[in-house]
Amino acid sequence: MLEEIVTDTRTYKFGTTDLNFTLCLNKEYDDQGQQKGDCFVVESLRDEDCFSKSRTAYTVTHIFSAPNDAKKYTTLLFLDENAMIDSLPDEIKNMLDQTLLHK
């Protein structure tokens, strides 16, 4: 996961990469410059390594999901082989359903 990717024409808040391609994301705005929602949307697919163009790079160790109407994450989609749920900060653990914490 990359943060603040700066290109010649634009700066992107986040990007996700497989080392060859990078999906660059920003908030969506209308024609008057008003933010349209809270989600980030893909604005660019870069056919290049964007690590050198980003301010910070993070390794993704956990991916969780939840139904739209759930208050907490209920499903573990990805867990890095060297990671554990117990090692997450309390701030993140508080966002997880109890069923994920007791596996």
Protein backbone atom coordinates (compact mmCIF):
# COMPACT_ATOMS: atom_id res chain seq x y z
CA MET A 1 0.00 0.00 0.00
CA LEU A 2 1.48 3.33 -1.04
CA GLU A 3 0.66 6.78 0.34
CA GLU A 4 0.82 10.11 -1.51
CA ILE A 5 1.98 9.09 -4.97
CA VAL A 6 3.26 12.13 -6.83
CA THR A 7 3.36 12.03 -10.65
CA ASP A 8 4.08 14.77 -13.19
CA THR A 9 0.38 15.59 -13.50
CA ARG A 10 -1.31 14.59 -10.24
CA THR A 11 -0.93 13.52 -6.62
CA TYR A 12 -2.86 10.47 -5.43
CA LYS A 13 -3.73 9.89 -1.78
CA PHE A 14 -3.27 6.09 -1.88
CA GLY A 15 -2.21 3.34 -4.22
CA THR A 16 -2.13 -0.40 -4.13
CA THR A 17 0.54 -2.23 -6.07
CA ASP A 18 1.75 -5.66 -7.11
CA LEU A 19 5.17 -4.12 -7.91
CA ASN A 20 4.42 -3.82 -11.65
CA PHE A 21 1.07 -2.04 -11.74
CA THR A 22 -0.34 0.50 -9.29
CA LEU A 23 -3.98 1.48 -8.82
CA CYS A 24 -4.03 5.12 -7.67
CA LEU A 25 -6.93 6.35 -5.54
CA ASN A 26 -8.38 9.70 -4.46
CA LYS A 27 -11.67 10.97 -3.06
CA GLU A 28 -14.26 11.71 -5.72
CA TYR A 29 -15.29 15.34 -6.37
CA ASP A 30 -18.05 16.88 -8.47
CA ASP A 31 -17.61 19.65 -11.07
CA GLN A 32 -17.90 22.32 -8.35
CA GLY A 33 -15.09 20.78 -6.30
CA GLN A 34 -17.38 19.32 -3.64
CA GLN A 35 -16.49 15.88 -2.26
CA LYS A 36 -19.09 13.37 -3.49
CA GLY A 37 -18.71 10.73 -0.77
CA ASP A 38 -16.47 9.13 1.80
CA CYS A 39 -15.01 6.43 -0.46
CA PHE A 40 -11.78 6.47 -2.40
CA VAL A 41 -12.12 5.71 -6.12
CA VAL A 42 -9.53 4.51 -8.62
CA GLU A 43 -8.36 7.39 -10.80
CA SER A 44 -5.38 5.87 -12.54
CA LEU A 45 -3.70 2.59 -13.40
CA ARG A 46 0.05 3.15 -13.59
CA ASP A 47 2.13 0.65 -15.57
CA GLU A 48 5.22 1.25 -13.47
CA ASP A 49 6.76 0.78 -10.06
CA CYS A 50 5.46 3.72 -7.98
CA PHE A 51 7.48 3.11 -4.81
CA SER A 52 9.92 5.90 -5.64
CA LYS A 53 7.01 8.29 -6.31
CA SER A 54 5.28 7.66 -2.98
CA ARG A 55 5.91 9.28 0.38
CA THR A 56 5.37 6.07 2.39
CA ALA A 57 4.97 2.36 1.62
CA TYR A 58 3.18 -0.07 3.91
CA THR A 59 3.10 -3.86 3.82
CA VAL A 60 -0.44 -5.22 3.96
CA THR A 61 -0.57 -7.95 6.61
CA HIS A 62 -4.33 -8.24 7.22
CA ILE A 63 -7.45 -7.60 5.14
CA PHE A 64 -10.87 -7.68 6.82
CA SER A 65 -14.37 -7.18 5.43
CA ALA A 66 -17.87 -6.63 6.74
CA PRO A 67 -21.37 -6.20 5.36
CA ASN A 68 -22.29 -2.56 4.78
CA ASP A 69 -24.67 -2.56 7.75
CA ALA A 70 -22.23 -4.17 10.23
CA LYS A 71 -20.58 -2.08 12.93
CA LYS A 72 -17.45 -4.26 13.02
CA TYR A 73 -15.38 -6.32 10.60
CA THR A 74 -16.61 -9.91 10.54
CA THR A 75 -14.47 -11.72 7.97
CA LEU A 76 -10.74 -12.21 7.60
CA LEU A 77 -9.96 -12.16 3.85
CA PHE A 78 -6.17 -12.20 4.00
CA LEU A 79 -3.56 -12.86 6.69
CA ASP A 80 0.16 -12.66 5.92
CA GLU A 81 1.94 -15.87 6.87
CA ASN A 82 4.09 -13.95 9.38
CA ALA A 83 1.21 -12.00 10.97
CA MET A 84 -1.26 -12.69 13.76
CA ILE A 85 -4.48 -10.96 14.77
CA ASP A 86 -3.20 -10.79 18.36
CA SER A 87 -0.34 -8.55 17.22
CA LEU A 88 -2.67 -5.81 15.92
CA PRO A 89 -2.92 -2.56 17.89
CA ASP A 90 -5.93 -2.27 20.22
CA GLU A 91 -7.32 0.49 17.99
CA ILE A 92 -7.69 -2.07 15.18
CA LYS A 93 -8.82 -4.94 17.42
CA ASN A 94 -11.67 -2.73 18.65
CA MET A 95 -12.95 -2.62 15.06
CA LEU A 96 -13.15 -6.44 14.84
CA ASP A 97 -16.07 -8.69 15.70
CA GLN A 98 -15.41 -10.93 18.71
CA THR A 99 -15.53 -14.05 16.50
CA LEU A 100 -12.33 -12.89 14.76
CA LEU A 101 -10.53 -12.26 18.04
CA HIS A 102 -11.15 -15.76 19.40
CA LYS A 103 -9.97 -17.94 16.51
